[in-house]
């Protein structure tokens, strides 16, 4: 089966366009952090956790019950998400409640989920 690839057949480079894109390109640290962000949220367990937290703030016990996973598994995944500032937590007595770190995380997740459900 052949695949249709579009290949540029020109030899002229639009120098001003190339320079404009190069100048606007985020630095390597930002690109690397972005790639790590997608790598971290690219795990199905963490995606489920993010979905649950997009609905409401939850403790590890509640997340464990929603996802039918051990508290240890949930805690391990939350630690990865917390390290990258994708989720945050607050203490209330002995309980620890997790939520999405900010509205940007919620927006990225929501847009991604809409895109996927639209294409599936």
C-alpha atoms as a PDB file:
ATOM      1  CA  UNK A   1       0.000   0.000   0.000  1.00  0.00           C
ATOM      2  CA  UNK A   2       1.499   3.360  -0.947  1.00  0.00           C
ATOM      3  CA  UNK A   3       1.327   6.384   1.269  1.00  0.00           C
ATOM      4  CA  UNK A   4       0.749   9.846  -0.093  1.00  0.00           C
ATOM      5  CA  UNK A   5       3.547  12.122   1.018  1.00  0.00           C
ATOM      6  CA  UNK A   6       3.747  15.769   0.109  1.00  0.00           C
ATOM      7  CA  UNK A   7       7.308  16.708  -0.708  1.00  0.00           C
ATOM      8  CA  UNK A   8       8.465  20.214  -1.442  1.00  0.00           C
ATOM      9  CA  UNK A   9      10.048  20.267  -4.878  1.00  0.00           C
ATOM     10  CA  UNK A  10      11.286  23.835  -4.783  1.00  0.00           C
ATOM     11  CA  UNK A  11      14.836  25.063  -4.400  1.00  0.00           C
ATOM     12  CA  UNK A  12      13.971  28.597  -3.324  1.00  0.00           C
ATOM     13  CA  UNK A  13      13.810  29.266   0.394  1.00  0.00           C
ATOM     14  CA  UNK A  14      11.642  32.044   1.788  1.00  0.00           C
ATOM     15  CA  UNK A  15      14.417  33.573   3.896  1.00  0.00           C
ATOM     16  CA  UNK A  16      12.197  36.107   5.659  1.00  0.00           C
ATOM     17  CA  UNK A  17       9.693  33.429   6.641  1.00  0.00           C
ATOM     18  CA  UNK A  18      12.448  31.112   7.884  1.00  0.00           C
ATOM     19  CA  UNK A  19      14.000  33.912   9.940  1.00  0.00           C
ATOM     20  CA  UNK A  20      10.631  34.961  11.397  1.00  0.00           C
ATOM     21  CA  UNK A  21       9.901  31.410  12.582  1.00  0.00           C
ATOM     22  CA  UNK A  22      13.443  30.951  13.918  1.00  0.00           C
ATOM     23  CA  UNK A  23      13.192  34.185  15.913  1.00  0.00           C
ATOM     24  CA  UNK A  24       9.842  33.198  17.432  1.00  0.00           C
ATOM     25  CA  UNK A  25      10.941  29.631  18.294  1.00  0.00           C
ATOM     26  CA  UNK A  26      10.913  29.085  22.077  1.00  0.00           C
ATOM     27  CA  UNK A  27      14.305  28.320  23.583  1.00  0.00           C
ATOM     28  CA  UNK A  28      15.425  24.735  24.116  1.00  0.00           C
ATOM     29  CA  UNK A  29      14.559  24.752  27.838  1.00  0.00           C
ATOM     30  CA  UNK A  30      10.934  25.648  27.065  1.00  0.00           C
ATOM     31  CA  UNK A  31      10.667  23.062  24.269  1.00  0.00           C
ATOM     32  CA  UNK A  32      12.190  20.393  26.511  1.00  0.00           C
ATOM     33  CA  UNK A  33       9.762  21.220  29.330  1.00  0.00           C
ATOM     34  CA  UNK A  34       6.836  21.092  26.876  1.00  0.00           C
ATOM     35  CA  UNK A  35       7.948  17.664  25.649  1.00  0.00           C
ATOM     36  CA  UNK A  36       8.229  16.461  29.255  1.00  0.00           C
ATOM     37  CA  UNK A  37       4.727  17.811  29.974  1.00  0.00           C
ATOM     38  CA  UNK A  38       3.253  15.723  27.154  1.00  0.00           C
ATOM     39  CA  UNK A  39       5.333  12.720  28.153  1.00  0.00           C
ATOM     40  CA  UNK A  40       3.998  12.914  31.718  1.00  0.00           C
ATOM     41  CA  UNK A  41       0.349  13.375  30.729  1.00  0.00           C
ATOM     42  CA  UNK A  42       0.760  10.723  28.006  1.00  0.00           C
ATOM     43  CA  UNK A  43       0.136   7.886  30.458  1.00  0.00           C
ATOM     44  CA  UNK A  44      -3.404   6.451  30.594  1.00  0.00           C
ATOM     45  CA  UNK A  45      -3.486   6.296  34.414  1.00  0.00           C
ATOM     46  CA  UNK A  46      -2.393   9.911  34.686  1.00  0.00           C
ATOM     47  CA  UNK A  47      -4.957  10.876  32.026  1.00  0.00           C
ATOM     48  CA  UNK A  48      -7.674   9.272  34.160  1.00  0.00           C
ATOM     49  CA  UNK A  49      -6.432  11.132  37.222  1.00  0.00           C
ATOM     50  CA  UNK A  50      -6.480  14.392  35.288  1.00  0.00           C
ATOM     51  CA  UNK A  51     -10.006  13.702  34.118  1.00  0.00           C
ATOM     52  CA  UNK A  52     -11.171  13.044  37.670  1.00  0.00           C
ATOM     53  CA  UNK A  53      -9.448  16.184  38.938  1.00  0.00           C
ATOM     54  CA  UNK A  54     -10.933  18.218  36.098  1.00  0.00           C
ATOM     55  CA  UNK A  55     -14.316  17.387  37.633  1.00  0.00           C
ATOM     56  CA  UNK A  56     -13.473  18.258  41.243  1.00  0.00           C
ATOM     57  CA  UNK A  57     -10.814  18.334  43.907  1.00  0.00           C
ATOM     58  CA  UNK A  58     -10.236  14.840  45.320  1.00  0.00           C
ATOM     59  CA  UNK A  59      -8.175  12.991  47.923  1.00  0.00           C
ATOM     60  CA  UNK A  60      -6.080   9.905  47.159  1.00  0.00           C
ATOM     61  CA  UNK A  61      -8.714   7.603  48.707  1.00  0.00           C
ATOM     62  CA  UNK A  62     -11.450   8.969  46.459  1.00  0.00           C
ATOM     63  CA  UNK A  63      -9.236   8.822  43.369  1.00  0.00           C
ATOM     64  CA  UNK A  64      -8.316   5.260  44.280  1.00  0.00           C
ATOM     65  CA  UNK A  65     -11.985   4.295  44.393  1.00  0.00           C
ATOM     66  CA  UNK A  66     -12.928   6.145  41.212  1.00  0.00           C
ATOM     67  CA  UNK A  67     -10.109   4.519  39.248  1.00  0.00           C
ATOM     68  CA  UNK A  68     -10.234   1.154  41.025  1.00  0.00           C
ATOM     69  CA  UNK A  69      -6.495   1.341  41.770  1.00  0.00           C
ATOM     70  CA  UNK A  70      -4.437   1.161  44.930  1.00  0.00           C
ATOM     71  CA  UNK A  71      -3.705   4.284  46.936  1.00  0.00           C
ATOM     72  CA  UNK A  72      -0.008   3.570  46.393  1.00  0.00           C
ATOM     73  CA  UNK A  73      -0.426   3.616  42.604  1.00  0.00           C
ATOM     74  CA  UNK A  74      -2.433   6.837  42.728  1.00  0.00           C
ATOM     75  CA  UNK A  75       0.074   8.496  45.076  1.00  0.00           C
ATOM     76  CA  UNK A  76       2.980   7.522  42.821  1.00  0.00           C
ATOM     77  CA  UNK A  77       1.267   9.025  39.763  1.00  0.00           C
ATOM     78  CA  UNK A  78       0.235  12.161  41.653  1.00  0.00           C
ATOM     79  CA  UNK A  79       3.856  12.711  42.709  1.00  0.00           C
ATOM     80  CA  UNK A  80       4.918  12.765  39.038  1.00  0.00           C
ATOM     81  CA  UNK A  81       2.123  15.179  38.175  1.00  0.00           C
ATOM     82  CA  UNK A  82       2.959  17.380  41.177  1.00  0.00           C
ATOM     83  CA  UNK A  83       6.674  17.498  40.294  1.00  0.00           C
ATOM     84  CA  UNK A  84       5.809  19.052  36.950  1.00  0.00           C
ATOM     85  CA  UNK A  85       3.228  21.400  38.546  1.00  0.00           C
ATOM     86  CA  UNK A  86       0.333  19.788  36.704  1.00  0.00           C
ATOM     87  CA  UNK A  87      -1.510  19.159  39.965  1.00  0.00           C
ATOM     88  CA  UNK A  88      -1.343  20.860  43.334  1.00  0.00           C
ATOM     89  CA  UNK A  89      -2.483  19.823  46.778  1.00  0.00           C
ATOM     90  CA  UNK A  90      -3.787  21.269  50.002  1.00  0.00           C
ATOM     91  CA  UNK A  91      -3.966  19.776  53.468  1.00  0.00           C
ATOM     92  CA  UNK A  92      -7.095  19.756  55.584  1.00  0.00           C
ATOM     93  CA  UNK A  93      -6.292  18.062  58.859  1.00  0.00           C
ATOM     94  CA  UNK A  94      -4.984  14.606  57.971  1.00  0.00           C
ATOM     95  CA  UNK A  95      -6.544  14.673  54.516  1.00  0.00           C
ATOM     96  CA  UNK A  96      -4.692  15.843  51.411  1.00  0.00           C
ATOM     97  CA  UNK A  97      -6.776  17.076  48.490  1.00  0.00           C
ATOM     98  CA  UNK A  98      -5.497  17.302  44.924  1.00  0.00           C
ATOM     99  CA  UNK A  99      -6.649  19.532  42.089  1.00  0.00           C
ATOM    100  CA  UNK A 100      -5.365  20.674  38.727  1.00  0.00           C
ATOM    101  CA  UNK A 101      -2.623  23.249  39.202  1.00  0.00           C
ATOM    102  CA  UNK A 102      -4.323  26.027  37.275  1.00  0.00           C
ATOM    103  CA  UNK A 103      -6.781  26.855  34.532  1.00  0.00           C
ATOM    104  CA  UNK A 104      -4.152  26.324  31.806  1.00  0.00           C
ATOM    105  CA  UNK A 105      -3.843  22.643  32.714  1.00  0.00           C
ATOM    106  CA  UNK A 106      -7.635  22.330  32.668  1.00  0.00           C
ATOM    107  CA  UNK A 107      -7.781  24.006  29.252  1.00  0.00           C
ATOM    108  CA  UNK A 108      -5.056  21.819  27.722  1.00  0.00           C
ATOM    109  CA  UNK A 109      -6.778  18.696  29.022  1.00  0.00           C
ATOM    110  CA  UNK A 110     -10.239  19.814  27.919  1.00  0.00           C
ATOM    111  CA  UNK A 111      -9.121  20.800  24.420  1.00  0.00           C
ATOM    112  CA  UNK A 112      -7.172  17.550  24.004  1.00  0.00           C
ATOM    113  CA  UNK A 113     -10.136  15.475  25.142  1.00  0.00           C
ATOM    114  CA  UNK A 114     -12.489  17.335  22.764  1.00  0.00           C
ATOM    115  CA  UNK A 115     -10.075  16.773  19.890  1.00  0.00           C
ATOM    116  CA  UNK A 116      -9.750  13.064  20.593  1.00  0.00           C
ATOM    117  CA  UNK A 117     -13.478  12.464  21.088  1.00  0.00           C
ATOM    118  CA  UNK A 118     -14.124  14.358  17.846  1.00  0.00           C
ATOM    119  CA  UNK A 119     -11.687  12.191  15.867  1.00  0.00           C
ATOM    120  CA  UNK A 120     -12.522   8.778  17.374  1.00  0.00           C
END
